[in-house]
Amino acid sequence: MRSTLRLPLLFVASITAWGQAPQHRVAVFDFDNAAVQGGITSPFFRTNTADVGKAAADLLIAKLVQDGNVRVIERNAIDKLLSEQNLSNSDRSDPQTAAKLGRVLGVDVIILGSITRYDYLDKTTGGGAHPFMVGPPKMKHDISAEVGISTRLVSPDSAEVLAVSQGSGKINRKGVKVNIYDSNSSSLTGNANNPIINECMDKAIVELATQLEQELVKLPHREPVIEGLVADASDSGRLVLNVGAHDGLKPGDHLQVWRAGKEIRDPVTGKLLLRDDKLLGEAIVTTVDDNFAIARYQGSESVQVRDLVKSTPQQH
């Protein structure tokens, strides 16, 4: 029986096969452990429940990479970004925060998940040493286990939940014989690497990954929405922008350059209703760094520092 929950996992992004259409880029965040604290009825079963959500996310990443239908962002990149943004692991489950991180990572969609069911019931019979028994005492176990996982596909642009998927795994076994003195049986009773709960987890992950891949193919590829400012402008037409690769910008992108105009606000609430901006021209991105970019300006009017740069509207 395969036991994968206990393994520390490290994953890299899958590579789009030559000649195939571009794959969706996804980021899988650690799952919530909402249902893990209860639901375990066994005098023997012990596990480190704090790691169950992370382990489930790792298993899903492994399955998605193995299937090769999407490109998965490396976990180290997510952890590094969390550290840079001074965010905790609990912040990952917030759609607004996840969307912000997703925009920086440049992914098409974020996968947030929760462990919705984590039940383990172990009824034991026998086990008492009889005066005339030859050999060590044995116990019988009636074991039922179930793991349920729910995920949400979240847009990095709007934090909208685009789709929901669920996976579950169940096992019922009766009359399992265990020698209480046999150290090889410890994984069934007292060891955290319980193969039965791991098998349930594997089943749930397979079902979940199948549903997710079906939902992902329905989603359009994300076109990042770029909004930034001109940080420097030269007479030669060279512009330095305060947006870069972390914002989804890449060499060859075309941006519009605008001059901020009069703001019209609601007289009661003060909310901005519209702004009469003026289109100056176009900037073509030539060089991209993580946090800035260099572009070549094409237009009849000169550009100033703090002029706006925006994505060119998509034609429908």
Protein backbone atom coordinates (compact mmCIF):
# COMPACT_ATOMS: atom_id res chain seq x y z
CA MET A 1 0.00 0.00 0.00
CA ARG A 2 1.39 3.42 -0.94
CA SER A 3 1.80 5.88 1.92
CA THR A 4 2.54 9.37 0.71
CA LEU A 5 1.23 11.73 3.38
CA ARG A 6 4.38 11.34 5.46
CA LEU A 7 6.84 12.32 2.75
CA PRO A 8 8.37 15.81 2.54
CA LEU A 9 7.70 16.94 -1.00
CA LEU A 10 9.38 19.47 -3.29
CA PHE A 11 7.91 20.27 -6.63
CA VAL A 12 8.88 22.22 -9.72
CA ALA A 13 6.68 23.65 -12.44
CA SER A 14 5.77 21.32 -15.26
CA ILE A 15 6.91 22.31 -18.75
CA THR A 16 4.55 22.92 -21.63
CA ALA A 17 5.12 20.27 -24.29
CA TRP A 18 6.40 21.44 -27.68
CA GLY A 19 3.60 22.32 -30.01
CA GLN A 20 0.84 22.35 -27.38
CA ALA A 21 -1.34 25.32 -26.50
CA PRO A 22 -0.11 27.35 -23.50
CA GLN A 23 -1.11 25.77 -20.21
CA HIS A 24 -2.70 27.56 -17.30
CA ARG A 25 -0.28 28.64 -14.58
CA VAL A 26 -1.65 27.86 -11.12
CA ALA A 27 -0.52 28.42 -7.54
CA VAL A 28 -1.64 25.97 -4.84
CA PHE A 29 -1.66 27.42 -1.32
CA ASP A 30 -1.62 25.36 1.88
CA PHE A 31 -5.08 24.06 2.76
CA ASP A 32 -7.07 24.90 5.90
CA ASN A 33 -7.31 22.26 8.62
CA ALA A 34 -10.84 23.18 9.72
CA ALA A 35 -12.15 19.60 10.07
CA VAL A 36 -8.97 17.92 11.28
CA GLN A 37 -9.18 18.69 14.97
CA GLY A 38 -12.14 16.40 15.62
CA GLY A 39 -13.50 13.24 14.08
CA ILE A 40 -10.76 10.89 15.33
CA THR A 41 -12.05 8.11 17.57
CA SER A 42 -9.24 5.74 18.38
CA PRO A 43 -7.21 5.03 21.53
CA PHE A 44 -4.15 4.53 19.33
CA PHE A 45 -4.29 6.86 16.36
CA ARG A 46 -2.07 9.90 16.78
CA THR A 47 -1.01 12.33 14.05
CA ASN A 48 0.43 15.79 13.66
CA THR A 49 -2.76 17.46 12.49
CA ALA A 50 -1.03 20.83 11.98
CA ASP A 51 0.64 19.49 8.84
CA VAL A 52 -2.40 17.84 7.23
CA GLY A 53 -3.40 20.88 5.15
CA LYS A 54 0.13 21.40 3.87
CA ALA A 55 0.50 17.69 3.09
CA ALA A 56 -2.79 17.66 1.16
CA ALA A 57 -1.68 20.67 -0.90
CA ASP A 58 1.65 18.95 -1.61
CA LEU A 59 -0.12 15.81 -2.79
CA LEU A 60 -2.39 17.83 -5.08
CA ILE A 61 0.63 19.65 -6.54
CA ALA A 62 2.32 16.31 -7.17
CA LYS A 63 -0.76 14.95 -8.94
CA LEU A 64 -1.23 18.06 -11.10
CA VAL A 65 2.43 18.06 -12.11
CA GLN A 66 2.30 14.33 -12.83
CA ASP A 67 -0.76 14.75 -15.06
CA GLY A 68 0.99 17.55 -16.94
CA ASN A 69 -2.13 19.52 -17.84
CA VAL A 70 -1.15 22.71 -15.98
CA ARG A 71 1.99 24.54 -14.92
CA VAL A 72 2.35 24.72 -11.13
CA ILE A 73 4.26 27.48 -9.36
CA GLU A 74 7.00 26.17 -7.11
CA ARG A 75 6.11 26.20 -3.41
CA ASN A 76 9.39 27.94 -2.57
CA ALA A 77 8.32 30.92 -4.68
CA ILE A 78 5.08 31.23 -2.68
CA ASP A 79 6.89 30.92 0.67
CA LYS A 80 9.45 33.53 -0.39
CA LEU A 81 6.69 35.92 -1.46
CA LEU A 82 4.84 35.44 1.83
CA SER A 83 8.02 36.32 3.68
CA GLU A 84 8.65 39.40 1.52
CA GLN A 85 5.07 40.60 2.05
CA ASN A 86 5.32 39.88 5.80
CA LEU A 87 2.29 37.57 5.65
CA SER A 88 1.60 34.47 7.74
CA ASN A 89 0.47 31.06 6.52
CA SER A 90 -3.07 31.84 7.69
CA ASP A 91 -3.21 34.77 5.25
CA ARG A 92 -3.07 32.32 2.34
CA SER A 93 -6.71 31.31 2.82
CA ASP A 94 -8.04 34.87 2.40
CA PRO A 95 -9.19 35.32 -1.24
CA GLN A 96 -8.21 39.01 -1.35
CA THR A 97 -4.71 38.29 -0.07
CA ALA A 98 -4.40 35.24 -2.30
CA ALA A 99 -5.44 37.31 -5.32
CA LYS A 100 -2.77 39.91 -4.52
CA LEU A 101 -0.12 37.18 -4.28
CA GLY A 102 -1.43 35.58 -7.46
CA ARG A 103 -0.99 38.83 -9.39
CA VAL A 104 2.61 39.10 -8.22
CA LEU A 105 3.25 35.47 -9.15
CA GLY A 106 1.68 36.04 -12.57
CA VAL A 107 -0.63 33.01 -12.39
CA ASP A 108 -3.92 32.46 -14.18
CA VAL A 109 -5.67 31.10 -11.10
CA ILE A 110 -5.09 30.39 -7.41
CA ILE A 111 -6.21 27.15 -5.77
CA LEU A 112 -7.38 27.52 -2.16
CA GLY A 113 -8.50 24.43 -0.26
CA SER A 114 -9.93 23.13 3.00
CA ILE A 115 -9.93 19.74 4.68
CA THR A 116 -13.70 19.39 5.13
CA ARG A 117 -13.67 15.88 6.61
CA TYR A 118 -11.00 13.94 8.47
CA ASP A 119 -12.61 11.02 10.29
CA TYR A 120 -10.96 7.94 11.73
CA LEU A 121 -12.97 5.44 13.80
CA ASP A 122 -11.21 2.42 15.28
CA LYS A 123 -13.20 -0.12 17.33
CA THR A 124 -11.08 -2.81 18.92
CA THR A 125 -12.01 -6.23 20.26
CA GLY A 126 -9.93 -8.90 21.95
CA GLY A 127 -6.36 -8.32 22.99
CA GLY A 128 -6.54 -9.71 26.50
CA ALA A 129 -3.90 -12.35 27.25
CA HIS A 130 -5.58 -15.68 28.09
CA PRO A 131 -3.78 -17.90 30.67
CA PHE A 132 -3.61 -20.76 28.15
CA MET A 133 -2.83 -18.57 25.08
CA VAL A 134 0.30 -19.53 23.22
CA GLY A 135 2.12 -16.60 21.65
CA PRO A 136 1.55 -12.85 21.97
CA PRO A 137 -1.99 -11.46 22.30
CA LYS A 138 -3.70 -10.11 19.16
CA MET A 139 -6.38 -7.50 18.67
CA LYS A 140 -9.04 -7.07 16.00
CA HIS A 141 -9.90 -3.67 14.59
CA ASP A 142 -13.03 -2.48 12.82
CA ILE A 143 -11.74 0.61 11.07
CA SER A 144 -13.56 3.27 9.06
CA ALA A 145 -11.85 6.35 7.72
CA GLU A 146 -12.86 9.24 5.48
CA VAL A 147 -11.10 12.31 4.11
CA GLY A 148 -12.91 15.13 2.32
CA ILE A 149 -11.28 18.08 0.56
CA SER A 150 -12.87 21.14 -1.02
CA THR A 151 -11.07 23.64 -3.26
CA ARG A 152 -11.86 27.01 -4.79
CA LEU A 153 -10.40 28.44 -7.99
CA VAL A 154 -9.84 32.14 -7.35
CA SER A 155 -9.20 34.87 -9.93
CA PRO A 156 -6.02 36.85 -9.16
CA ASP A 157 -7.58 39.97 -10.70
CA SER A 158 -10.95 40.12 -8.96
CA ALA A 159 -10.62 37.60 -6.06
CA GLU A 160 -13.81 36.06 -7.47
CA VAL A 161 -14.37 32.35 -6.90
CA LEU A 162 -14.47 30.90 -10.42
CA ALA A 163 -15.24 27.26 -9.58
CA VAL A 164 -15.49 24.84 -6.66
CA SER A 165 -14.35 21.21 -6.64
CA GLN A 166 -14.54 18.42 -4.07
CA GLY A 167 -12.82 15.10 -3.54
CA SER A 168 -13.34 12.36 -0.97
CA GLY A 169 -11.86 9.03 0.00
CA LYS A 170 -13.48 6.35 2.20
CA ILE A 171 -12.28 3.05 3.61
CA ASN A 172 -14.12 0.49 5.77
CA ARG A 173 -12.30 -2.58 7.04
CA LYS A 174 -13.50 -5.10 9.59
CA GLY A 175 -11.67 -7.68 11.63
CA VAL A 176 -8.18 -6.36 10.97
CA LYS A 177 -5.86 -8.44 13.13
CA VAL A 178 -3.00 -6.69 14.84
CA ASN A 179 -0.35 -8.17 17.13
CA ILE A 180 -0.04 -5.54 19.82
CA TYR A 181 3.62 -6.47 20.38
CA ASP A 182 4.49 -6.30 16.69
CA SER A 183 6.35 -3.08 15.93
CA ASN A 184 5.51 -3.48 12.23
CA SER A 185 1.85 -2.85 13.02
CA SER A 186 2.53 0.45 14.76
CA SER A 187 1.61 2.39 11.65
CA LEU A 188 -1.93 1.04 11.96
CA THR A 189 -2.29 1.89 15.61
CA GLY A 190 -0.01 4.49 17.10
CA ASN A 191 2.24 5.85 14.35
CA ALA A 192 1.44 9.17 12.69
CA ASN A 193 2.03 7.67 9.23
CA ASN A 194 -1.24 5.78 9.24
CA PRO A 195 -1.57 3.94 5.91
CA ILE A 196 -5.37 3.81 6.01
CA ILE A 197 -5.84 7.56 6.45
CA ASN A 198 -3.12 8.07 3.82
CA GLU A 199 -5.00 5.85 1.37
CA CYS A 200 -8.15 7.90 1.96
CA MET A 201 -6.15 11.06 1.30
CA ASP A 202 -4.77 9.64 -1.94
CA LYS A 203 -8.26 8.76 -3.17
CA ALA A 204 -9.56 12.23 -2.33
CA ILE A 205 -6.64 13.88 -4.15
CA VAL A 206 -7.14 11.82 -7.32
CA GLU A 207 -10.85 12.71 -7.44
CA LEU A 208 -10.13 16.35 -6.66
CA ALA A 209 -7.39 16.69 -9.30
CA THR A 210 -9.67 15.22 -11.97
CA GLN A 211 -12.40 17.76 -11.21
CA LEU A 212 -9.94 20.66 -11.05
CA GLU A 213 -8.39 19.82 -14.41
CA GLN A 214 -11.86 19.70 -15.97
CA GLU A 215 -12.68 23.13 -14.54
CA LEU A 216 -9.33 24.67 -15.49
CA VAL A 217 -9.66 23.88 -19.20
CA LYS A 218 -12.86 25.95 -19.24
CA LEU A 219 -11.12 29.08 -17.98
CA PRO A 220 -9.61 31.65 -20.36
CA HIS A 221 -5.95 32.47 -20.00
CA ARG A 222 -5.45 35.54 -17.86
CA GLU A 223 -4.35 38.75 -19.46
CA PRO A 224 -2.75 40.76 -16.64
CA VAL A 225 -4.16 44.23 -16.11
CA ILE A 226 -1.25 46.67 -15.92
CA GLU A 227 -1.58 50.02 -14.19
CA GLY A 228 1.54 51.99 -13.31
CA LEU A 229 3.38 55.28 -13.53
CA VAL A 230 6.23 56.73 -15.55
CA ALA A 231 9.24 56.95 -13.22
CA ASP A 232 11.54 58.62 -15.74
CA ALA A 233 11.18 60.02 -19.27
CA SER A 234 13.94 61.10 -21.66
CA ASP A 235 13.82 63.19 -24.84
CA SER A 236 14.87 60.12 -26.81
CA GLY A 237 11.58 58.40 -25.94
CA ARG A 238 13.01 56.04 -23.34
CA LEU A 239 10.60 55.53 -20.44
CA VAL A 240 11.26 53.86 -17.10
CA LEU A 241 8.07 52.40 -15.59
CA ASN A 242 7.39 51.44 -11.99
CA VAL A 243 5.79 48.11 -12.99
CA GLY A 244 7.62 44.95 -14.03
CA ALA A 245 7.59 41.17 -14.20
CA HIS A 246 5.90 40.88 -10.81
CA ASP A 247 2.94 42.74 -12.31
CA GLY A 248 2.75 40.41 -15.29
CA LEU A 249 4.65 42.65 -17.70
CA LYS A 250 6.88 41.09 -20.39
CA PRO A 251 9.03 42.34 -23.27
CA GLY A 252 6.99 43.27 -26.33
CA ASP A 253 3.88 44.31 -24.39
CA HIS A 254 2.10 47.43 -25.63
CA LEU A 255 0.88 49.96 -23.06
CA GLN A 256 -1.07 53.18 -23.38
CA VAL A 257 0.38 56.36 -21.87
CA TRP A 258 -2.11 58.78 -20.31
CA ARG A 259 -1.99 62.20 -18.67
CA ALA A 260 -4.14 62.33 -15.54
CA GLY A 261 -7.02 64.79 -15.93
CA LYS A 262 -9.65 66.43 -13.78
CA GLU A 263 -11.27 64.21 -11.16
CA ILE A 264 -15.03 64.33 -10.77
CA ARG A 265 -16.26 63.11 -7.38
CA ASP A 266 -19.61 62.44 -5.80
CA PRO A 267 -20.43 65.58 -3.76
CA VAL A 268 -21.99 63.49 -0.99
CA THR A 269 -19.65 60.55 -0.56
CA GLY A 270 -16.47 61.94 -2.12
CA LYS A 271 -16.19 58.78 -4.24
CA LEU A 272 -14.36 59.17 -7.53
CA LEU A 273 -16.90 59.00 -10.36
CA LEU A 274 -14.64 59.54 -13.35
CA ARG A 275 -11.42 61.21 -14.39
CA ASP A 276 -10.94 63.07 -17.63
CA ASP A 277 -7.59 61.52 -18.61
CA LYS A 278 -5.89 62.32 -21.92
CA LEU A 279 -4.33 59.63 -24.12
CA LEU A 280 -0.78 60.67 -25.12
CA GLY A 281 0.51 57.68 -27.07
CA GLU A 282 1.87 54.16 -26.79
CA ALA A 283 4.83 52.56 -25.04
CA ILE A 284 6.37 49.27 -26.19
CA VAL A 285 8.16 47.36 -23.43
CA THR A 286 11.76 46.46 -24.30
CA THR A 287 13.31 45.38 -20.98
CA VAL A 288 11.66 43.93 -17.89
CA ASP A 289 12.98 43.51 -14.36
CA ASP A 290 11.06 42.21 -11.37
CA ASN A 291 9.89 45.65 -10.23
CA PHE A 292 10.44 47.99 -13.19
CA ALA A 293 10.51 48.06 -16.96
CA ILE A 294 12.00 50.11 -19.79
CA ALA A 295 9.81 51.03 -22.74
CA ARG A 296 10.05 52.91 -26.04
CA TYR A 297 7.53 55.72 -26.37
CA GLN A 298 5.64 56.48 -29.57
CA GLY A 299 3.48 59.60 -29.55
CA SER A 300 3.22 63.25 -30.56
CA GLU A 301 3.20 64.74 -27.03
CA SER A 302 6.04 64.63 -24.52
CA VAL A 303 5.76 62.36 -21.49
CA GLN A 304 6.28 63.48 -17.90
CA VAL A 305 7.15 61.69 -14.69
CA ARG A 306 3.97 60.37 -13.00
CA ASP A 307 2.06 60.03 -16.27
CA LEU A 308 -0.05 56.88 -16.29
CA VAL A 309 0.63 53.63 -18.15
CA LYS A 310 -2.18 51.16 -18.68
CA SER A 311 -2.83 47.92 -20.50
CA THR A 312 -4.09 48.31 -24.05
CA PRO A 313 -7.80 47.40 -24.06
CA GLN A 314 -8.46 43.94 -25.45
CA GLN A 315 -10.36 43.73 -28.71
CA HIS A 316 -13.50 41.52 -28.49
